[in-house]
N, C-alpha and C. Protein backbone atom coordinates (compact mmCIF):
# COMPACT_ATOMS: atom_id res chain seq x y z
N GLU A 1 1.26 -1.37 0.04
CA GLU A 1 -0.07 -1.21 0.18
C GLU A 1 1.00 1.45 -0.30
N LYS A 2 0.50 2.29 -0.80
CA LYS A 2 1.11 3.53 -0.48
C LYS A 2 1.01 4.09 0.02
N SER A 3 1.65 5.09 0.40
CA SER A 3 1.96 6.07 1.77
C SER A 3 1.90 7.43 1.29
N SER A 4 1.25 8.32 1.75
CA SER A 4 1.64 9.15 0.83
C SER A 4 2.52 10.50 1.88
N LEU A 5 3.55 9.47 2.56
CA LEU A 5 4.71 9.78 3.78
C LEU A 5 6.14 9.33 2.58
N LEU A 6 5.77 8.46 1.80
CA LEU A 6 6.67 7.94 1.40
C LEU A 6 7.05 8.53 0.03
N PRO A 7 8.71 9.98 -0.31
CA PRO A 7 8.79 9.99 -1.04
C PRO A 7 8.90 8.93 -2.06
N ALA A 8 8.53 9.15 -3.83
CA ALA A 8 9.26 8.66 -4.78
C ALA A 8 11.53 8.73 -4.21
N VAL A 9 12.40 8.00 -4.55
CA VAL A 9 13.75 8.55 -4.39
C VAL A 9 14.54 7.27 -4.87
N ALA A 10 15.43 8.00 -4.97
CA ALA A 10 17.28 6.90 -5.44
C ALA A 10 18.07 7.78 -4.74
N GLY A 11 18.76 6.67 -4.36
CA GLY A 11 20.02 6.94 -3.78
C GLY A 11 20.32 7.34 -2.39
N HIS A 12 18.74 6.84 -1.54
CA HIS A 12 18.54 7.18 -0.25
C HIS A 12 19.29 5.28 0.37
N THR A 13 18.80 5.20 1.79
CA THR A 13 19.34 4.27 3.03
C THR A 13 17.80 4.03 2.94
N LEU A 14 18.25 2.28 3.76
CA LEU A 14 17.09 2.34 4.37
C LEU A 14 17.31 1.02 5.25
N THR A 15 17.69 1.66 6.15
CA THR A 15 18.07 0.56 7.38
C THR A 15 17.36 -0.37 8.51
N GLN A 16 17.85 -0.92 8.45
CA GLN A 16 17.27 -1.26 9.73
C GLN A 16 17.40 -1.56 11.39
N ARG A 17 16.58 -1.50 12.36
CA ARG A 17 16.86 -0.46 13.08
C ARG A 17 15.97 -1.77 14.34
N ARG A 18 16.86 -2.30 14.93
CA ARG A 18 16.06 -3.43 16.23
C ARG A 18 15.71 -4.94 15.09
N GLY A 19 15.57 -4.94 14.19
CA GLY A 19 14.62 -5.76 13.44
C GLY A 19 13.30 -5.58 13.77
N LEU A 20 12.64 -4.24 14.05
CA LEU A 20 11.46 -3.73 14.17
C LEU A 20 10.78 -3.24 13.45
N SER A 21 11.63 -2.54 12.60
CA SER A 21 11.69 -1.42 11.67
C SER A 21 12.78 -0.77 10.63
N LEU A 22 12.39 0.40 9.68
CA LEU A 22 13.59 -0.13 8.34
C LEU A 22 13.16 1.84 8.96
N LEU A 23 14.39 2.29 8.81
CA LEU A 23 14.98 3.88 9.06
C LEU A 23 15.09 4.00 7.01
N LEU A 24 14.58 4.84 5.79
CA LEU A 24 14.75 6.08 5.39
C LEU A 24 14.98 6.71 5.88
N ILE A 25 16.64 7.21 5.08
CA ILE A 25 17.23 8.97 5.05
C ILE A 25 18.18 8.95 3.54
N GLY A 26 17.26 10.43 3.66
CA GLY A 26 18.15 11.12 2.18
C GLY A 26 17.50 10.55 0.59
N GLY A 27 17.78 10.56 0.26
CA GLY A 27 17.87 10.78 -1.03
C GLY A 27 17.06 11.49 -2.06
N TYR A 28 16.74 11.65 -3.27
CA TYR A 28 16.10 12.68 -4.17
C TYR A 28 15.21 11.94 -5.45
N SER A 29 14.26 12.87 -6.02
CA SER A 29 13.44 12.77 -6.71
C SER A 29 12.81 13.96 -7.31
N PRO A 30 12.76 14.10 -8.80
CA PRO A 30 12.64 14.55 -9.69
C PRO A 30 11.65 15.96 -9.08
N GLU A 31 10.46 15.28 -8.71
CA GLU A 31 9.35 15.50 -8.38
C GLU A 31 9.15 16.27 -6.64
N ASN A 32 10.11 16.00 -5.66
CA ASN A 32 10.05 16.38 -4.95
C ASN A 32 11.81 16.26 -4.19
N GLY A 33 12.08 17.31 -5.73
CA GLY A 33 13.54 17.29 -4.43
C GLY A 33 14.33 16.80 -3.80
N PHE A 34 15.01 16.87 -2.59
CA PHE A 34 15.58 15.94 -1.00
C PHE A 34 14.43 15.78 -0.66
N ASN A 35 14.86 14.02 0.55
CA ASN A 35 13.99 14.12 1.32
C ASN A 35 14.83 13.93 2.14
N ASN A 36 14.66 15.10 3.27
CA ASN A 36 15.32 15.92 4.38
C ASN A 36 14.22 14.93 5.73
N LYS A 37 13.48 14.23 5.47
CA LYS A 37 12.79 13.81 6.79
C LYS A 37 13.05 12.43 7.08
N LEU A 38 13.40 12.10 8.73
CA LEU A 38 13.47 10.54 8.85
C LEU A 38 12.15 9.58 8.75
N LEU A 39 12.07 9.23 8.21
CA LEU A 39 10.83 8.04 7.72
C LEU A 39 10.99 6.53 8.33
N GLU A 40 10.42 5.88 8.78
CA GLU A 40 10.25 4.97 9.73
C GLU A 40 9.02 3.86 9.11
N TYR A 41 9.29 2.84 9.27
CA TYR A 41 8.17 1.46 8.62
C TYR A 41 8.29 0.44 9.33
N ASN A 42 7.01 0.30 9.90
CA ASN A 42 6.88 -0.40 11.15
C ASN A 42 7.50 -1.86 10.07
N ILE A 43 7.74 -2.60 10.42
CA ILE A 43 7.45 -4.51 10.14
C ILE A 43 6.33 -5.09 10.10
N GLU A 44 6.45 -4.84 11.17
CA GLU A 44 4.37 -5.21 12.44
C GLU A 44 3.45 -5.05 11.39
N ASP A 45 3.04 -3.49 11.12
CA ASP A 45 1.99 -2.99 10.77
C ASP A 45 1.99 -2.73 9.40
N GLY A 46 2.95 -2.50 8.57
CA GLY A 46 3.65 -2.12 7.66
C GLY A 46 2.91 -0.65 7.37
N SER A 47 3.09 -0.06 8.02
CA SER A 47 2.66 2.09 7.96
C SER A 47 3.86 2.40 8.35
N TRP A 48 3.67 3.64 7.84
CA TRP A 48 5.41 5.14 7.84
C TRP A 48 5.29 5.82 8.85
N SER A 49 6.46 6.13 9.22
CA SER A 49 6.01 7.49 9.73
C SER A 49 7.16 7.86 9.27
N VAL A 50 6.99 9.97 9.99
CA VAL A 50 8.13 10.82 9.71
C VAL A 50 8.77 10.41 11.24
N ARG A 51 9.74 10.07 11.87
CA ARG A 51 10.29 10.46 13.13
C ARG A 51 11.44 11.57 13.48
N PRO A 52 10.82 11.84 15.29
CA PRO A 52 11.70 12.78 15.27
C PRO A 52 13.09 11.98 15.49
N GLN A 53 13.96 12.90 15.63
CA GLN A 53 15.03 12.98 15.87
C GLN A 53 16.37 13.87 16.60
N THR A 54 17.22 13.90 17.39
CA THR A 54 18.43 14.69 17.72
C THR A 54 20.17 15.09 16.73
N GLY A 55 19.87 15.56 17.06
CA GLY A 55 21.26 16.84 16.37
C GLY A 55 20.79 16.69 14.89
N THR A 56 21.78 16.96 14.30
CA THR A 56 21.98 17.84 12.95
C THR A 56 21.72 17.25 11.49
N PRO A 57 20.15 17.10 11.13
CA PRO A 57 20.39 16.05 10.01
C PRO A 57 20.88 16.37 8.87
N PRO A 58 21.89 15.33 8.03
CA PRO A 58 22.65 15.34 6.24
C PRO A 58 20.70 16.23 5.78
N THR A 59 21.72 17.37 5.09
CA THR A 59 20.76 17.81 3.97
C THR A 59 20.92 17.81 2.21
N GLY A 60 20.30 17.34 1.41
CA GLY A 60 21.24 17.66 0.65
C GLY A 60 22.32 16.50 0.10
N LEU A 61 21.32 14.72 0.41
CA LEU A 61 22.17 14.50 0.08
C LEU A 61 21.70 13.23 -0.02
N TYR A 62 22.61 12.06 -1.35
CA TYR A 62 22.75 11.47 -2.22
C TYR A 62 23.90 10.18 -1.95
N GLY A 63 23.36 8.87 -2.25
CA GLY A 63 24.50 8.07 -3.08
C GLY A 63 25.48 7.96 -1.55
N HIS A 64 24.88 8.30 -0.01
CA HIS A 64 25.49 7.98 1.38
C HIS A 64 25.21 6.60 1.87
N SER A 65 26.22 6.00 3.14
CA SER A 65 26.05 5.11 3.74
C SER A 65 25.46 4.96 4.96
N ALA A 66 24.75 4.54 5.72
CA ALA A 66 24.10 4.67 6.61
C ALA A 66 24.40 3.36 7.50
N VAL A 67 23.70 3.46 9.18
CA VAL A 67 24.22 1.99 9.88
C VAL A 67 23.30 2.54 11.35
N TYR A 68 22.69 1.45 11.54
CA TYR A 68 22.32 1.91 13.45
C TYR A 68 22.85 1.18 14.08
N HIS A 69 23.34 1.81 15.38
CA HIS A 69 24.03 0.97 16.22
C HIS A 69 23.45 1.30 17.51
N GLU A 70 23.29 0.35 18.03
CA GLU A 70 22.05 -0.56 19.15
C GLU A 70 22.76 0.72 20.07
N GLY A 71 23.26 -0.05 20.23
CA GLY A 71 24.14 0.64 21.76
C GLY A 71 23.87 2.04 21.69
N THR A 72 24.25 2.87 20.86
CA THR A 72 23.88 4.70 21.28
C THR A 72 22.83 4.77 20.48
N ASP A 73 21.72 4.33 20.11
CA ASP A 73 20.34 4.10 19.40
C ASP A 73 20.40 5.32 18.94
N ALA A 74 21.65 5.60 17.80
CA ALA A 74 21.51 5.82 16.54
C ALA A 74 22.28 5.25 15.48
N VAL A 75 21.79 6.45 14.37
CA VAL A 75 22.01 5.99 13.34
C VAL A 75 23.54 7.44 12.18
N TYR A 76 24.32 6.64 12.08
CA TYR A 76 24.97 7.42 11.38
C TYR A 76 26.14 6.84 10.28
N VAL A 77 25.69 8.13 9.86
CA VAL A 77 25.66 8.43 8.24
C VAL A 77 26.99 8.97 8.01
N PHE A 78 27.07 8.59 6.47
CA PHE A 78 28.71 8.91 5.94
C PHE A 78 28.21 8.68 4.55
N GLY A 79 29.01 10.23 3.93
CA GLY A 79 29.34 10.61 2.63
C GLY A 79 28.79 10.86 2.03
N GLY A 80 28.98 10.18 0.78
CA GLY A 80 27.57 10.74 -0.40
C GLY A 80 28.04 11.87 -1.26
N TYR A 81 27.41 12.20 -1.85
CA TYR A 81 26.87 13.38 -2.90
C TYR A 81 26.46 14.60 -2.05
N ARG A 82 27.09 15.98 -2.31
CA ARG A 82 26.77 16.54 -0.93
C ARG A 82 26.06 18.45 -1.77
N PHE A 83 24.89 18.09 -2.13
CA PHE A 83 23.92 18.72 -3.16
C PHE A 83 24.31 21.00 -2.35
N HIS A 84 24.27 21.32 -2.72
CA HIS A 84 24.52 22.30 -2.76
C HIS A 84 24.04 23.25 -3.43
N VAL A 85 23.35 25.12 -3.78
CA VAL A 85 22.59 25.17 -4.46
C VAL A 85 23.25 25.53 -6.23
N GLU A 86 24.53 26.22 -5.63
CA GLU A 86 25.70 25.64 -7.09
C GLU A 86 26.35 25.26 -7.21
N LEU A 87 26.82 23.74 -6.37
CA LEU A 87 27.40 22.81 -6.44
C LEU A 87 27.65 22.03 -6.00
N VAL A 88 27.83 20.39 -6.15
CA VAL A 88 27.55 19.28 -5.58
C VAL A 88 29.28 18.98 -5.88
N SER A 89 29.59 18.16 -4.84
CA SER A 89 30.68 17.72 -4.51
C SER A 89 30.94 16.25 -2.81
N ALA A 90 31.64 15.54 -3.34
CA ALA A 90 31.52 13.97 -2.49
C ALA A 90 31.71 14.94 -0.86
N SER A 91 31.27 14.23 -0.45
CA SER A 91 30.29 14.96 1.46
C SER A 91 31.77 13.84 2.27
N PRO A 92 33.11 14.87 2.69
CA PRO A 92 33.61 13.75 4.33
C PRO A 92 32.97 13.87 4.91
N GLU A 93 31.06 13.99 5.91
CA GLU A 93 30.79 13.90 6.24
C GLU A 93 30.73 12.56 6.92
N LEU A 94 30.47 12.38 8.67
CA LEU A 94 29.84 11.48 9.26
C LEU A 94 29.12 12.19 10.77
N TYR A 95 27.47 12.25 10.21
CA TYR A 95 26.62 12.61 10.73
C TYR A 95 26.26 11.25 12.38
N SER A 96 25.35 11.72 13.28
CA SER A 96 25.30 11.33 14.31
C SER A 96 23.76 11.56 14.28
N LEU A 97 22.80 10.23 13.84
CA LEU A 97 21.62 10.86 14.52
C LEU A 97 20.68 9.36 15.34
N HIS A 98 20.76 10.60 16.95
CA HIS A 98 20.25 9.79 17.89
C HIS A 98 18.89 9.53 18.05
N TYR A 99 18.61 8.59 18.08
CA TYR A 99 16.90 7.61 17.46
C TYR A 99 15.99 7.44 18.65
N PRO A 100 15.69 8.56 19.77
CA PRO A 100 14.92 8.19 20.83
C PRO A 100 14.17 7.36 20.60
N GLY A 101 13.33 6.40 21.38
CA GLY A 101 12.56 5.59 21.30
C GLY A 101 12.85 4.40 21.20
């Protein structure tokens, strides 16, 4: 079932969290631009929701990698391409998004 929350994106990551959900981070679509929301897919009931997080979320990021670390309850996002107003460059940044709850 298609959710209105779920953007059609490429270059994103879909990262498993505690075996209960999947986190969608980043990506781009020509129709919607860059996805700057942290979206969670609940495996049990098949629903999507926008999740709060603390930290500085990456913006304009495409082609990055992400991993969930249970000990810190955080998603670490690294690399990819950063898209700024007139510039595209490879990103050397490592982001830590604390995921409470």
